[in-house]
Amino acid sequence: MAEGVARNVDHGIGAPEAGDTVQIGIAVDIPEPWGGTLTRRRLAAGDPNTVPAHVTLLGPTEIPVSALPAVEQHLVRVAAAHLPFTLHLRGTGTFRPVTQVVFVAVAAGISECELLAAAINAAPELRRELRFPYHPHVTVAQDVAPEALDQAYEDLADFSAMFEVEHFTLFSHSGEARFQPRRDFRLGG
């Protein structure tokens, strides 16, 4: 099915008014039991970011609320043009010393994530300058004490999970709460 699936979630976005904006993000959720394991490990590192484990396709991006319908239609087209794929997470990596991040690495599904991210970013409403080249991963510790980064790196060195990615999710928030799922977009039409 090419159409996205609307979720029944109160995402805090009311009727658009002139100048209203919303922050969105697009990601592949990590399913259970692995998602909960990675989210709990991030919290155990002392990372205050309570976002559930995910692979980011588009990081937090502010857009006008009025642009949401066009963005959603773009995402329907992107999803329809990309097939489901296997994502294999294995082992850990780090972006240190550039940024204080430890992550679980994407071992298979890298090119599929890169292609999805590039296609998503092609929408005029979503184009933005990136600080770093896109690198699919699952963050498990960020901006915490060096010892906590080291521990997360060691604890998950043998981590492995493999699952099918059949959709990606649009998240949004209006500043009142953390990111909430807004809509899933099924891959492959």
N, C-alpha and C. Protein backbone atom coordinates (compact mmCIF):
# COMPACT_ATOMS: atom_id res chain seq x y z
N MET A 1 0.85 -1.17 0.00
CA MET A 1 0.00 0.00 0.00
C MET A 1 0.89 1.23 0.00
N ALA A 2 0.72 2.12 -0.95
CA ALA A 2 1.60 3.29 -1.10
C ALA A 2 1.24 4.41 -0.15
N GLU A 3 0.01 4.48 0.27
CA GLU A 3 -0.42 5.57 1.15
C GLU A 3 0.16 5.37 2.54
N GLY A 4 0.46 6.46 3.21
CA GLY A 4 0.91 6.40 4.58
C GLY A 4 -0.27 6.03 5.47
N VAL A 5 0.03 5.57 6.64
CA VAL A 5 -0.99 5.22 7.60
C VAL A 5 -1.02 6.31 8.66
N ALA A 6 -2.14 7.00 8.76
CA ALA A 6 -2.25 8.05 9.77
C ALA A 6 -2.35 7.40 11.14
N ARG A 7 -1.65 7.92 12.11
CA ARG A 7 -1.73 7.41 13.47
C ARG A 7 -2.68 8.28 14.26
N ASN A 8 -3.35 7.69 15.20
CA ASN A 8 -4.23 8.44 16.08
C ASN A 8 -3.43 8.97 17.26
N VAL A 9 -2.66 9.99 16.99
CA VAL A 9 -1.78 10.58 18.00
C VAL A 9 -2.05 12.07 18.06
N ASP A 10 -2.20 12.61 19.27
CA ASP A 10 -2.32 14.05 19.42
C ASP A 10 -0.92 14.61 19.36
N HIS A 11 -0.57 15.18 18.22
CA HIS A 11 0.79 15.68 18.02
C HIS A 11 0.89 17.16 18.27
N GLY A 12 -0.13 17.76 18.84
CA GLY A 12 -0.03 19.14 19.28
C GLY A 12 -0.07 20.16 18.18
N ILE A 13 -0.52 19.78 16.99
CA ILE A 13 -0.56 20.74 15.89
C ILE A 13 -2.02 21.08 15.63
N GLY A 14 -2.36 22.33 15.85
CA GLY A 14 -3.72 22.78 15.61
C GLY A 14 -3.85 23.32 14.20
N ALA A 15 -4.90 24.09 13.96
CA ALA A 15 -5.09 24.70 12.65
C ALA A 15 -3.94 25.67 12.39
N PRO A 16 -3.37 25.64 11.17
CA PRO A 16 -2.25 26.53 10.89
C PRO A 16 -2.64 27.99 10.95
N GLU A 17 -1.76 28.78 11.53
CA GLU A 17 -1.92 30.22 11.53
C GLU A 17 -0.70 30.80 10.86
N ALA A 18 -0.80 32.02 10.40
CA ALA A 18 0.33 32.66 9.73
C ALA A 18 1.56 32.60 10.63
N GLY A 19 2.65 32.10 10.10
CA GLY A 19 3.90 32.06 10.84
C GLY A 19 4.07 30.84 11.72
N ASP A 20 3.07 29.97 11.86
CA ASP A 20 3.22 28.78 12.67
C ASP A 20 4.21 27.81 12.04
N THR A 21 5.08 27.25 12.87
CA THR A 21 6.02 26.26 12.40
C THR A 21 5.92 25.02 13.28
N VAL A 22 6.47 23.95 12.77
CA VAL A 22 6.51 22.69 13.50
C VAL A 22 7.86 22.04 13.22
N GLN A 23 8.38 21.34 14.23
CA GLN A 23 9.59 20.56 14.02
C GLN A 23 9.19 19.16 13.62
N ILE A 24 9.83 18.65 12.59
CA ILE A 24 9.59 17.28 12.17
C ILE A 24 10.91 16.53 12.13
N GLY A 25 10.80 15.23 12.12
CA GLY A 25 11.93 14.34 11.93
C GLY A 25 11.39 13.08 11.27
N ILE A 26 12.24 12.36 10.58
CA ILE A 26 11.82 11.14 9.90
C ILE A 26 12.82 10.05 10.25
N ALA A 27 12.30 8.89 10.63
CA ALA A 27 13.18 7.83 11.12
C ALA A 27 12.61 6.45 10.87
N VAL A 28 13.49 5.47 10.97
CA VAL A 28 13.11 4.06 11.01
C VAL A 28 13.15 3.66 12.47
N ASP A 29 12.02 3.26 13.01
CA ASP A 29 11.96 2.78 14.40
C ASP A 29 12.64 1.42 14.51
N ILE A 30 13.28 1.18 15.64
CA ILE A 30 13.87 -0.13 15.91
C ILE A 30 12.82 -0.94 16.66
N PRO A 31 12.39 -2.09 16.10
CA PRO A 31 11.32 -2.86 16.73
C PRO A 31 11.78 -3.56 18.00
N GLU A 32 10.80 -4.03 18.77
CA GLU A 32 11.09 -4.82 19.96
C GLU A 32 11.54 -6.21 19.54
N PRO A 33 12.38 -6.83 20.33
CA PRO A 33 12.82 -6.41 21.66
C PRO A 33 14.03 -5.47 21.64
N TRP A 34 14.61 -5.26 20.45
CA TRP A 34 15.86 -4.51 20.36
C TRP A 34 15.68 -3.02 20.65
N GLY A 35 14.57 -2.44 20.21
CA GLY A 35 14.34 -1.01 20.43
C GLY A 35 14.35 -0.64 21.90
N GLY A 36 13.64 -1.41 22.71
CA GLY A 36 13.61 -1.15 24.15
C GLY A 36 14.97 -1.33 24.79
N THR A 37 15.70 -2.35 24.36
CA THR A 37 17.05 -2.59 24.89
C THR A 37 17.95 -1.39 24.62
N LEU A 38 17.93 -0.89 23.39
CA LEU A 38 18.81 0.23 23.04
C LEU A 38 18.36 1.53 23.70
N THR A 39 17.06 1.74 23.82
CA THR A 39 16.55 2.94 24.49
C THR A 39 16.94 2.92 25.97
N ARG A 40 16.77 1.77 26.62
CA ARG A 40 17.15 1.66 28.05
C ARG A 40 18.65 1.86 28.23
N ARG A 41 19.45 1.37 27.29
CA ARG A 41 20.91 1.53 27.40
C ARG A 41 21.30 2.99 27.27
N ARG A 42 20.59 3.73 26.41
CA ARG A 42 20.86 5.16 26.26
C ARG A 42 20.53 5.90 27.56
N LEU A 43 19.42 5.56 28.16
CA LEU A 43 19.05 6.18 29.44
C LEU A 43 20.05 5.81 30.53
N ALA A 44 20.52 4.57 30.54
CA ALA A 44 21.50 4.12 31.54
C ALA A 44 22.82 4.87 31.43
N ALA A 45 23.14 5.35 30.24
CA ALA A 45 24.38 6.12 30.04
C ALA A 45 24.25 7.53 30.62
N GLY A 46 23.01 7.89 31.01
CA GLY A 46 22.80 9.23 31.54
C GLY A 46 22.37 10.22 30.47
N ASP A 47 22.09 9.72 29.28
CA ASP A 47 21.65 10.57 28.19
C ASP A 47 20.21 11.01 28.46
N PRO A 48 19.96 12.31 28.58
CA PRO A 48 18.60 12.76 28.91
C PRO A 48 17.64 12.68 27.72
N ASN A 49 18.15 12.38 26.54
CA ASN A 49 17.31 12.29 25.36
C ASN A 49 16.53 10.98 25.40
N THR A 50 15.23 11.06 25.64
CA THR A 50 14.41 9.86 25.81
C THR A 50 13.72 9.43 24.52
N VAL A 51 14.25 9.82 23.39
CA VAL A 51 13.69 9.41 22.11
C VAL A 51 13.90 7.91 21.96
N PRO A 52 12.87 7.15 21.58
CA PRO A 52 13.05 5.71 21.36
C PRO A 52 14.10 5.45 20.28
N ALA A 53 14.76 4.30 20.38
CA ALA A 53 15.83 3.93 19.45
C ALA A 53 15.34 3.98 18.01
N HIS A 54 16.17 4.55 17.14
CA HIS A 54 15.78 4.74 15.74
C HIS A 54 17.02 5.00 14.88
N VAL A 55 16.82 4.85 13.57
CA VAL A 55 17.81 5.30 12.58
C VAL A 55 17.21 6.55 11.95
N THR A 56 17.88 7.67 12.09
CA THR A 56 17.39 8.93 11.55
C THR A 56 17.54 8.95 10.03
N LEU A 57 16.47 9.40 9.36
CA LEU A 57 16.53 9.65 7.91
C LEU A 57 16.54 11.15 7.64
N LEU A 58 15.87 11.91 8.50
CA LEU A 58 15.89 13.38 8.46
C LEU A 58 15.87 13.86 9.90
N GLY A 59 16.93 14.55 10.30
CA GLY A 59 17.00 15.07 11.66
C GLY A 59 16.01 16.19 11.89
N PRO A 60 15.91 16.67 13.13
CA PRO A 60 14.95 17.73 13.44
C PRO A 60 15.03 18.90 12.46
N THR A 61 13.89 19.20 11.84
CA THR A 61 13.80 20.21 10.80
C THR A 61 12.55 21.04 11.03
N GLU A 62 12.70 22.34 11.10
CA GLU A 62 11.55 23.23 11.30
C GLU A 62 10.96 23.62 9.95
N ILE A 63 9.65 23.42 9.82
CA ILE A 63 8.95 23.79 8.59
C ILE A 63 7.67 24.52 8.95
N PRO A 64 7.09 25.29 8.01
CA PRO A 64 5.78 25.90 8.27
C PRO A 64 4.72 24.79 8.39
N VAL A 65 3.79 24.93 9.30
CA VAL A 65 2.71 23.96 9.43
C VAL A 65 1.99 23.80 8.10
N SER A 66 1.86 24.89 7.37
CA SER A 66 1.16 24.84 6.07
C SER A 66 1.88 23.96 5.05
N ALA A 67 3.15 23.63 5.28
CA ALA A 67 3.91 22.78 4.35
C ALA A 67 3.71 21.29 4.62
N LEU A 68 3.10 20.95 5.75
CA LEU A 68 2.94 19.53 6.11
C LEU A 68 2.24 18.71 5.04
N PRO A 69 1.13 19.17 4.45
CA PRO A 69 0.49 18.34 3.41
C PRO A 69 1.42 18.03 2.23
N ALA A 70 2.18 19.01 1.78
CA ALA A 70 3.13 18.78 0.68
C ALA A 70 4.23 17.82 1.10
N VAL A 71 4.72 17.96 2.31
CA VAL A 71 5.76 17.07 2.81
C VAL A 71 5.22 15.64 2.88
N GLU A 72 4.01 15.48 3.40
CA GLU A 72 3.43 14.14 3.50
C GLU A 72 3.22 13.51 2.12
N GLN A 73 2.80 14.30 1.14
CA GLN A 73 2.64 13.76 -0.21
C GLN A 73 4.00 13.36 -0.79
N HIS A 74 5.02 14.16 -0.53
CA HIS A 74 6.37 13.80 -0.97
C HIS A 74 6.79 12.48 -0.34
N LEU A 75 6.52 12.30 0.95
CA LEU A 75 6.91 11.08 1.64
C LEU A 75 6.16 9.86 1.12
N VAL A 76 4.90 10.03 0.73
CA VAL A 76 4.15 8.94 0.10
C VAL A 76 4.87 8.49 -1.16
N ARG A 77 5.29 9.45 -1.99
CA ARG A 77 5.99 9.12 -3.24
C ARG A 77 7.35 8.46 -2.96
N VAL A 78 8.08 8.98 -1.99
CA VAL A 78 9.38 8.38 -1.64
C VAL A 78 9.18 6.94 -1.18
N ALA A 79 8.25 6.71 -0.30
CA ALA A 79 8.01 5.35 0.22
C ALA A 79 7.63 4.40 -0.91
N ALA A 80 6.76 4.85 -1.80
CA ALA A 80 6.31 3.99 -2.90
C ALA A 80 7.47 3.61 -3.83
N ALA A 81 8.47 4.47 -3.93
CA ALA A 81 9.59 4.24 -4.85
C ALA A 81 10.71 3.40 -4.26
N HIS A 82 10.60 3.02 -2.98
CA HIS A 82 11.66 2.25 -2.33
C HIS A 82 11.07 0.96 -1.76
N LEU A 83 11.77 -0.13 -1.97
CA LEU A 83 11.30 -1.43 -1.50
C LEU A 83 11.67 -1.66 -0.04
N PRO A 84 10.90 -2.52 0.66
CA PRO A 84 11.31 -2.94 2.00
C PRO A 84 12.71 -3.56 1.93
N PHE A 85 13.41 -3.53 3.06
CA PHE A 85 14.78 -4.06 3.08
C PHE A 85 15.11 -4.58 4.46
N THR A 86 16.18 -5.37 4.51
CA THR A 86 16.66 -5.92 5.78
C THR A 86 17.66 -4.96 6.38
N LEU A 87 17.46 -4.65 7.65
CA LEU A 87 18.41 -3.81 8.39
C LEU A 87 19.10 -4.71 9.40
N HIS A 88 20.42 -4.69 9.36
CA HIS A 88 21.21 -5.47 10.32
C HIS A 88 22.03 -4.49 11.15
N LEU A 89 21.78 -4.47 12.44
CA LEU A 89 22.55 -3.66 13.38
C LEU A 89 23.56 -4.58 14.03
N ARG A 90 24.83 -4.14 14.09
CA ARG A 90 25.85 -5.01 14.68
C ARG A 90 27.01 -4.18 15.22
N GLY A 91 27.31 -4.39 16.48
CA GLY A 91 28.48 -3.77 17.09
C GLY A 91 28.31 -2.28 17.34
N THR A 92 29.38 -1.66 17.81
CA THR A 92 29.34 -0.24 18.16
C THR A 92 30.36 0.54 17.36
N GLY A 93 30.15 1.84 17.34
CA GLY A 93 31.06 2.78 16.73
C GLY A 93 30.96 4.09 17.48
N THR A 94 31.78 5.04 17.10
CA THR A 94 31.76 6.35 17.76
C THR A 94 32.15 7.43 16.76
N PHE A 95 31.67 8.62 17.01
CA PHE A 95 32.06 9.79 16.22
C PHE A 95 33.10 10.62 16.98
N ARG A 96 33.58 10.15 18.13
CA ARG A 96 34.59 10.87 18.87
C ARG A 96 35.89 10.93 18.07
N PRO A 97 36.62 11.97 18.09
CA PRO A 97 36.51 13.15 18.94
C PRO A 97 35.66 14.27 18.34
N VAL A 98 35.11 14.07 17.13
CA VAL A 98 34.36 15.15 16.48
C VAL A 98 33.11 15.49 17.27
N THR A 99 32.31 14.48 17.62
CA THR A 99 31.15 14.67 18.51
C THR A 99 31.17 13.55 19.54
N GLN A 100 30.57 13.82 20.67
CA GLN A 100 30.58 12.86 21.78
C GLN A 100 29.39 11.91 21.64
N VAL A 101 29.51 10.99 20.68
CA VAL A 101 28.43 10.06 20.36
C VAL A 101 29.00 8.64 20.26
N VAL A 102 28.27 7.70 20.86
CA VAL A 102 28.51 6.27 20.65
C VAL A 102 27.24 5.72 20.03
N PHE A 103 27.39 4.83 19.07
CA PHE A 103 26.23 4.30 18.35
C PHE A 103 26.37 2.82 18.09
N VAL A 104 25.22 2.20 17.79
CA VAL A 104 25.20 0.84 17.24
C VAL A 104 25.24 1.02 15.73
N ALA A 105 26.12 0.25 15.11
CA ALA A 105 26.39 0.41 13.68
C ALA A 105 25.35 -0.32 12.82
N VAL A 106 25.08 0.26 11.67
CA VAL A 106 24.28 -0.41 10.65
C VAL A 106 25.26 -1.22 9.81
N ALA A 107 25.10 -2.57 9.84
CA ALA A 107 26.00 -3.46 9.11
C ALA A 107 25.46 -3.81 7.73
N ALA A 108 24.14 -3.85 7.59
CA ALA A 108 23.50 -4.10 6.29
C ALA A 108 22.26 -3.22 6.22
N GLY A 109 22.01 -2.68 5.05
CA GLY A 109 20.90 -1.73 4.89
C GLY A 109 21.41 -0.31 4.79
N ILE A 110 22.72 -0.14 4.78
CA ILE A 110 23.32 1.19 4.72
C ILE A 110 22.87 1.94 3.46
N SER A 111 23.05 1.31 2.31
CA SER A 111 22.72 2.02 1.06
C SER A 111 21.23 2.31 0.97
N GLU A 112 20.38 1.42 1.49
CA GLU A 112 18.94 1.67 1.47
C GLU A 112 18.60 2.90 2.32
N CYS A 113 19.22 3.00 3.49
CA CYS A 113 19.01 4.18 4.35
C CYS A 113 19.52 5.45 3.67
N GLU A 114 20.70 5.36 3.04
CA GLU A 114 21.25 6.52 2.34
C GLU A 114 20.34 6.97 1.20
N LEU A 115 19.82 6.02 0.44
CA LEU A 115 18.93 6.37 -0.68
C LEU A 115 17.63 6.99 -0.17
N LEU A 116 17.06 6.42 0.91
CA LEU A 116 15.85 7.01 1.49
C LEU A 116 16.12 8.42 1.99
N ALA A 117 17.21 8.61 2.72
CA ALA A 117 17.53 9.93 3.26
C ALA A 117 17.71 10.95 2.14
N ALA A 118 18.39 10.57 1.07
CA ALA A 118 18.60 11.49 -0.06
C ALA A 118 17.27 11.83 -0.73
N ALA A 119 16.41 10.84 -0.92
CA ALA A 119 15.12 11.09 -1.56
C ALA A 119 14.24 11.98 -0.68
N ILE A 120 14.26 11.75 0.61
CA ILE A 120 13.48 12.58 1.54
C ILE A 120 13.97 14.02 1.49
N ASN A 121 15.28 14.20 1.53
CA ASN A 121 15.87 15.54 1.51
C ASN A 121 15.67 16.29 0.19
N ALA A 122 15.19 15.61 -0.85
CA ALA A 122 15.00 16.25 -2.15
C ALA A 122 13.81 17.21 -2.17
N ALA A 123 12.91 17.10 -1.20
CA ALA A 123 11.76 18.02 -1.15
C ALA A 123 12.25 19.42 -0.81
N PRO A 124 11.79 20.43 -1.55
CA PRO A 124 12.25 21.81 -1.28
C PRO A 124 12.01 22.23 0.18
N GLU A 125 10.93 21.77 0.78
CA GLU A 125 10.62 22.15 2.17
C GLU A 125 11.58 21.51 3.17
N LEU A 126 12.29 20.45 2.75
CA LEU A 126 13.14 19.70 3.67
C LEU A 126 14.62 19.88 3.43
N ARG A 127 14.97 20.57 2.36
CA ARG A 127 16.40 20.78 2.07
C ARG A 127 17.02 21.65 3.14
N ARG A 128 18.16 21.19 3.63
CA ARG A 128 18.89 21.97 4.62
C ARG A 128 20.35 21.57 4.56
N GLU A 129 21.17 22.44 5.03
CA GLU A 129 22.60 22.16 5.06
C GLU A 129 22.90 21.25 6.24
N LEU A 130 23.61 20.16 5.96
CA LEU A 130 23.96 19.21 7.01
C LEU A 130 25.31 19.56 7.60
N ARG A 131 25.44 19.41 8.91
CA ARG A 131 26.73 19.65 9.57
C ARG A 131 27.74 18.56 9.23
N PHE A 132 27.24 17.34 9.03
CA PHE A 132 28.11 16.19 8.75
C PHE A 132 27.47 15.35 7.64
N PRO A 133 28.27 14.57 6.91
CA PRO A 133 27.68 13.66 5.92
C PRO A 133 26.74 12.66 6.61
N TYR A 134 25.71 12.24 5.89
CA TYR A 134 24.76 11.28 6.45
C TYR A 134 25.45 9.94 6.70
N HIS A 135 25.22 9.38 7.89
CA HIS A 135 25.80 8.09 8.28
C HIS A 135 24.75 7.37 9.11
N PRO A 136 24.04 6.39 8.54
CA PRO A 136 22.98 5.72 9.32
C PRO A 136 23.55 4.98 10.52
N HIS A 137 22.89 5.14 11.66
CA HIS A 137 23.33 4.53 12.92
C HIS A 137 22.20 4.67 13.95
N VAL A 138 22.38 4.02 15.10
CA VAL A 138 21.45 4.16 16.22
C VAL A 138 22.24 4.72 17.40
N THR A 139 21.98 5.96 17.77
CA THR A 139 22.69 6.58 18.89
C THR A 139 22.31 5.88 20.19
N VAL A 140 23.32 5.53 21.00
CA VAL A 140 23.07 4.91 22.31
C VAL A 140 23.67 5.71 23.45
N ALA A 141 24.45 6.74 23.16
CA ALA A 141 24.96 7.66 24.19
C ALA A 141 25.45 8.91 23.48
N GLN A 142 25.07 10.07 24.03
CA GLN A 142 25.46 11.33 23.41
C GLN A 142 25.64 12.39 24.47
N ASP A 143 26.77 13.10 24.38
CA ASP A 143 27.05 14.22 25.27
C ASP A 143 26.91 13.85 26.75
N VAL A 144 27.50 12.70 27.10
CA VAL A 144 27.55 12.27 28.49
C VAL A 144 29.03 12.14 28.88
N ALA A 145 29.29 11.81 30.10
CA ALA A 145 30.67 11.68 30.58
C ALA A 145 31.45 10.67 29.73
N PRO A 146 32.74 10.92 29.52
CA PRO A 146 33.55 9.99 28.72
C PRO A 146 33.47 8.54 29.20
N GLU A 147 33.39 8.35 30.52
CA GLU A 147 33.30 6.99 31.06
C GLU A 147 31.99 6.32 30.63
N ALA A 148 30.91 7.09 30.58
CA ALA A 148 29.62 6.54 30.16
C ALA A 148 29.64 6.21 28.67
N LEU A 149 30.31 7.03 27.87
CA LEU A 149 30.46 6.73 26.45
C LEU A 149 31.26 5.43 26.27
N ASP A 150 32.37 5.31 27.02
CA ASP A 150 33.20 4.11 26.94
C ASP A 150 32.40 2.87 27.33
N GLN A 151 31.60 3.00 28.39
CA GLN A 151 30.83 1.85 28.89
C GLN A 151 29.77 1.42 27.88
N ALA A 152 29.07 2.37 27.27
CA ALA A 152 28.07 2.04 26.26
C ALA A 152 28.74 1.35 25.07
N TYR A 153 29.90 1.86 24.68
CA TYR A 153 30.66 1.27 23.57
C TYR A 153 31.00 -0.19 23.87
N GLU A 154 31.47 -0.45 25.09
CA GLU A 154 31.86 -1.81 25.49
C GLU A 154 30.64 -2.72 25.65
N ASP A 155 29.60 -2.21 26.33
CA ASP A 155 28.42 -3.02 26.62
C ASP A 155 27.72 -3.54 25.37
N LEU A 156 27.74 -2.77 24.32
CA LEU A 156 27.00 -3.14 23.11
C LEU A 156 27.90 -3.61 21.97
N ALA A 157 29.17 -3.87 22.27
CA ALA A 157 30.12 -4.28 21.23
C ALA A 157 29.66 -5.56 20.51
N ASP A 158 28.97 -6.45 21.22
CA ASP A 158 28.51 -7.71 20.62
C ASP A 158 27.04 -7.66 20.22
N PHE A 159 26.43 -6.49 20.26
CA PHE A 159 25.00 -6.36 19.93
C PHE A 159 24.76 -6.74 18.47
N SER A 160 23.67 -7.44 18.22
CA SER A 160 23.28 -7.78 16.86
C SER A 160 21.77 -7.91 16.78
N ALA A 161 21.19 -7.32 15.75
CA ALA A 161 19.75 -7.43 15.50
C ALA A 161 19.54 -7.34 14.00
N MET A 162 18.62 -8.16 13.50
CA MET A 162 18.30 -8.13 12.08
C MET A 162 16.79 -8.16 11.93
N PHE A 163 16.24 -7.25 11.12
CA PHE A 163 14.79 -7.17 10.95
C PHE A 163 14.47 -6.51 9.62
N GLU A 164 13.24 -6.69 9.19
CA GLU A 164 12.77 -6.10 7.94
C GLU A 164 12.25 -4.69 8.21
N VAL A 165 12.62 -3.77 7.37
CA VAL A 165 12.10 -2.40 7.43
C VAL A 165 11.02 -2.31 6.36
N GLU A 166 9.79 -2.11 6.81
CA GLU A 166 8.65 -2.05 5.89
C GLU A 166 8.05 -0.66 5.80
N HIS A 167 8.50 0.24 6.68
CA HIS A 167 8.00 1.62 6.65
C HIS A 167 8.96 2.54 7.38
N PHE A 168 8.80 3.83 7.16
CA PHE A 168 9.48 4.84 7.98
C PHE A 168 8.40 5.73 8.56
N THR A 169 8.77 6.53 9.55
CA THR A 169 7.79 7.30 10.31
C THR A 169 8.13 8.79 10.31
N LEU A 170 7.11 9.60 10.11
CA LEU A 170 7.21 11.06 10.26
C LEU A 170 6.85 11.38 11.70
N PHE A 171 7.74 12.09 12.38
CA PHE A 171 7.51 12.53 13.76
C PHE A 171 7.35 14.05 13.74
N SER A 172 6.61 14.57 14.70
CA SER A 172 6.45 16.03 14.78
C SER A 172 6.32 16.44 16.23
N HIS A 173 6.62 17.72 16.47
CA HIS A 173 6.28 18.33 17.75
C HIS A 173 6.22 19.83 17.58
N SER A 174 5.39 20.42 18.41
CA SER A 174 5.16 21.86 18.32
C SER A 174 5.81 22.60 19.48
N GLY A 175 6.73 21.94 20.16
CA GLY A 175 7.43 22.57 21.27
C GLY A 175 6.84 22.27 22.63
N GLU A 176 5.67 21.63 22.67
CA GLU A 176 5.00 21.36 23.94
C GLU A 176 5.35 19.99 24.50
N ALA A 177 5.82 19.09 23.68
CA ALA A 177 6.13 17.73 24.11
C ALA A 177 7.26 17.20 23.23
N ARG A 178 7.73 16.01 23.57
CA ARG A 178 8.79 15.42 22.73
C ARG A 178 8.18 14.98 21.41
N PHE A 179 9.04 14.61 20.47
CA PHE A 179 8.57 14.17 19.17
C PHE A 179 7.55 13.05 19.34
N GLN A 180 6.47 13.13 18.58
CA GLN A 180 5.43 12.12 18.57
C GLN A 180 5.27 11.58 17.15
N PRO A 181 4.98 10.27 17.02
CA PRO A 181 4.74 9.74 15.68
C PRO A 181 3.50 10.38 15.08
N ARG A 182 3.62 10.80 13.84
CA ARG A 182 2.50 11.44 13.15
C ARG A 182 1.91 10.51 12.09
N ARG A 183 2.81 9.86 11.33
CA ARG A 183 2.32 9.03 10.23
C ARG A 183 3.41 8.06 9.79
N ASP A 184 3.02 6.82 9.48
CA ASP A 184 3.93 5.83 8.90
C ASP A 184 3.76 5.83 7.40
N PHE A 185 4.86 5.55 6.69
CA PHE A 185 4.84 5.49 5.23
C PHE A 185 5.38 4.13 4.81
N ARG A 186 4.51 3.29 4.23
CA ARG A 186 4.88 1.94 3.82
C ARG A 186 5.75 1.97 2.58
N LEU A 187 6.82 1.18 2.64
CA LEU A 187 7.74 1.07 1.50
C LEU A 187 7.17 0.15 0.43
N GLY A 188 7.45 0.46 -0.82
CA GLY A 188 7.19 -0.44 -1.91
C GLY A 188 5.86 -0.38 -2.61
N GLY A 189 4.95 0.45 -2.15
CA GLY A 189 3.70 0.61 -2.85
C GLY A 189 2.85 -0.63 -2.91
